[in-house]
Amino acid sequence: MVIGFSIALIVFSLLLMMLVLMHKGKGGGLSDMFGGGMQSSVGGSSVAERNLDRITIVVGLLWFACIVVLGILMKLGN
């Protein structure tokens, strides 16, 4: 069980890093590499940015839940 949550934590960590780097920052960032710099923000953030925000929040919550569950499992295992 601990191994499964450890693997999930590694996957969520890598996914979270990738998602955070894809966000459009004030100076551009990696999101400009994927065409983010070509868009004009007339009406605020685009649908893609809002969906990226939502996905990042969900993955972040899953990452946090994995850490909590791993901590509980390790404490009960000792």
C-alpha atoms as a PDB file:
ATOM      1  CA  MET A   1       0.000   0.000   0.000  1.00  0.00           C
ATOM      2  CA  VAL A   2       2.853   2.356   0.860  1.00  0.00           C
ATOM      3  CA  ILE A   3       4.565   1.565  -2.432  1.00  0.00           C
ATOM      4  CA  GLY A   4       1.404   2.406  -4.383  1.00  0.00           C
ATOM      5  CA  PHE A   5       1.022   5.780  -2.690  1.00  0.00           C
ATOM      6  CA  SER A   6       4.741   6.470  -3.141  1.00  0.00           C
ATOM      7  CA  ILE A   7       4.467   5.846  -6.873  1.00  0.00           C
ATOM      8  CA  ALA A   8       1.335   8.025  -7.026  1.00  0.00           C
ATOM      9  CA  LEU A   9       3.208  10.777  -5.165  1.00  0.00           C
ATOM     10  CA  ILE A  10       6.060  10.668  -7.684  1.00  0.00           C
ATOM     11  CA  VAL A  11       3.622  10.816 -10.616  1.00  0.00           C
ATOM     12  CA  PHE A  12       1.633  13.684  -9.080  1.00  0.00           C
ATOM     13  CA  SER A  13       4.854  15.564  -8.276  1.00  0.00           C
ATOM     14  CA  LEU A  14       6.093  15.370 -11.860  1.00  0.00           C
ATOM     15  CA  LEU A  15       2.663  16.302 -13.210  1.00  0.00           C
ATOM     16  CA  LEU A  16       2.403  19.247 -10.818  1.00  0.00           C
ATOM     17  CA  MET A  17       5.819  20.553 -11.862  1.00  0.00           C
ATOM     18  CA  MET A  18       4.841  20.338 -15.510  1.00  0.00           C
ATOM     19  CA  LEU A  19       1.514  22.097 -14.922  1.00  0.00           C
ATOM     20  CA  VAL A  20       3.068  24.925 -12.910  1.00  0.00           C
ATOM     21  CA  LEU A  21       5.688  25.513 -15.589  1.00  0.00           C
ATOM     22  CA  MET A  22       2.984  25.706 -18.249  1.00  0.00           C
ATOM     23  CA  HIS A  23       1.251  28.627 -16.500  1.00  0.00           C
ATOM     24  CA  LYS A  24       1.621  32.018 -18.063  1.00  0.00           C
ATOM     25  CA  GLY A  25       3.634  34.248 -15.809  1.00  0.00           C
ATOM     26  CA  LYS A  26       4.156  37.971 -15.860  1.00  0.00           C
ATOM     27  CA  GLY A  27       7.270  37.567 -17.976  1.00  0.00           C
ATOM     28  CA  GLY A  28       5.992  34.834 -20.241  1.00  0.00           C
ATOM     29  CA  GLY A  29       7.760  31.671 -19.130  1.00  0.00           C
ATOM     30  CA  LEU A  30       7.391  28.238 -20.622  1.00  0.00           C
ATOM     31  CA  SER A  31       3.780  28.828 -21.565  1.00  0.00           C
ATOM     32  CA  ASP A  32       5.031  31.112 -24.363  1.00  0.00           C
ATOM     33  CA  MET A  33       6.771  28.126 -25.910  1.00  0.00           C
ATOM     34  CA  PHE A  34       3.375  26.530 -26.533  1.00  0.00           C
ATOM     35  CA  GLY A  35       1.814  29.570 -28.193  1.00  0.00           C
ATOM     36  CA  GLY A  36       0.714  31.405 -25.064  1.00  0.00           C
ATOM     37  CA  GLY A  37       2.574  34.567 -26.059  1.00  0.00           C
ATOM     38  CA  MET A  38       0.625  34.953 -29.290  1.00  0.00           C
ATOM     39  CA  GLN A  39      -2.745  35.375 -27.573  1.00  0.00           C
ATOM     40  CA  SER A  40      -4.066  38.736 -26.524  1.00  0.00           C
ATOM     41  CA  SER A  41      -5.873  38.897 -23.225  1.00  0.00           C
ATOM     42  CA  VAL A  42      -8.861  41.047 -24.166  1.00  0.00           C
ATOM     43  CA  GLY A  43     -11.371  39.484 -21.787  1.00  0.00           C
ATOM     44  CA  GLY A  44      -9.058  38.404 -18.985  1.00  0.00           C
ATOM     45  CA  SER A  45      -7.732  34.888 -18.886  1.00  0.00           C
ATOM     46  CA  SER A  46      -8.554  32.475 -21.651  1.00  0.00           C
ATOM     47  CA  VAL A  47     -10.504  29.256 -21.287  1.00  0.00           C
ATOM     48  CA  ALA A  48      -7.279  27.276 -21.592  1.00  0.00           C
ATOM     49  CA  GLU A  49      -5.703  29.195 -18.699  1.00  0.00           C
ATOM     50  CA  ARG A  50      -8.758  28.694 -16.503  1.00  0.00           C
ATOM     51  CA  ASN A  51      -8.819  24.976 -17.267  1.00  0.00           C
ATOM     52  CA  LEU A  52      -5.087  24.782 -16.569  1.00  0.00           C
ATOM     53  CA  ASP A  53      -5.721  26.504 -13.224  1.00  0.00           C
ATOM     54  CA  ARG A  54      -8.443  24.001 -12.337  1.00  0.00           C
ATOM     55  CA  ILE A  55      -6.334  20.999 -13.316  1.00  0.00           C
ATOM     56  CA  THR A  56      -3.381  22.352 -11.321  1.00  0.00           C
ATOM     57  CA  ILE A  57      -5.547  22.794  -8.222  1.00  0.00           C
ATOM     58  CA  VAL A  58      -6.950  19.253  -8.493  1.00  0.00           C
ATOM     59  CA  VAL A  59      -3.501  17.711  -8.969  1.00  0.00           C
ATOM     60  CA  GLY A  60      -2.176  19.790  -6.063  1.00  0.00           C
ATOM     61  CA  LEU A  61      -4.950  18.520  -3.792  1.00  0.00           C
ATOM     62  CA  LEU A  62      -4.289  14.931  -4.858  1.00  0.00           C
ATOM     63  CA  TRP A  63      -0.570  15.461  -4.184  1.00  0.00           C
ATOM     64  CA  PHE A  64      -1.357  16.790  -0.701  1.00  0.00           C
ATOM     65  CA  ALA A  65      -3.721  13.876  -0.005  1.00  0.00           C
ATOM     66  CA  CYS A  66      -0.999  11.384  -0.994  1.00  0.00           C
ATOM     67  CA  ILE A  67       1.427  13.003   1.440  1.00  0.00           C
ATOM     68  CA  VAL A  68      -1.118  12.876   4.281  1.00  0.00           C
ATOM     69  CA  VAL A  69      -2.028   9.236   3.584  1.00  0.00           C
ATOM     70  CA  LEU A  70       1.640   8.246   3.342  1.00  0.00           C
ATOM     71  CA  GLY A  71       2.340   9.945   6.654  1.00  0.00           C
ATOM     72  CA  ILE A  72      -0.539   8.119   8.339  1.00  0.00           C
ATOM     73  CA  LEU A  73       0.476   4.761   6.843  1.00  0.00           C
ATOM     74  CA  MET A  74       4.086   5.177   7.930  1.00  0.00           C
ATOM     75  CA  LYS A  75       3.074   6.221  11.432  1.00  0.00           C
ATOM     76  CA  LEU A  76       0.754   3.227  11.803  1.00  0.00           C
ATOM     77  CA  GLY A  77       3.383   0.903  10.340  1.00  0.00           C
ATOM     78  CA  ASN A  78       5.931   1.627  13.060  1.00  0.00           C
END
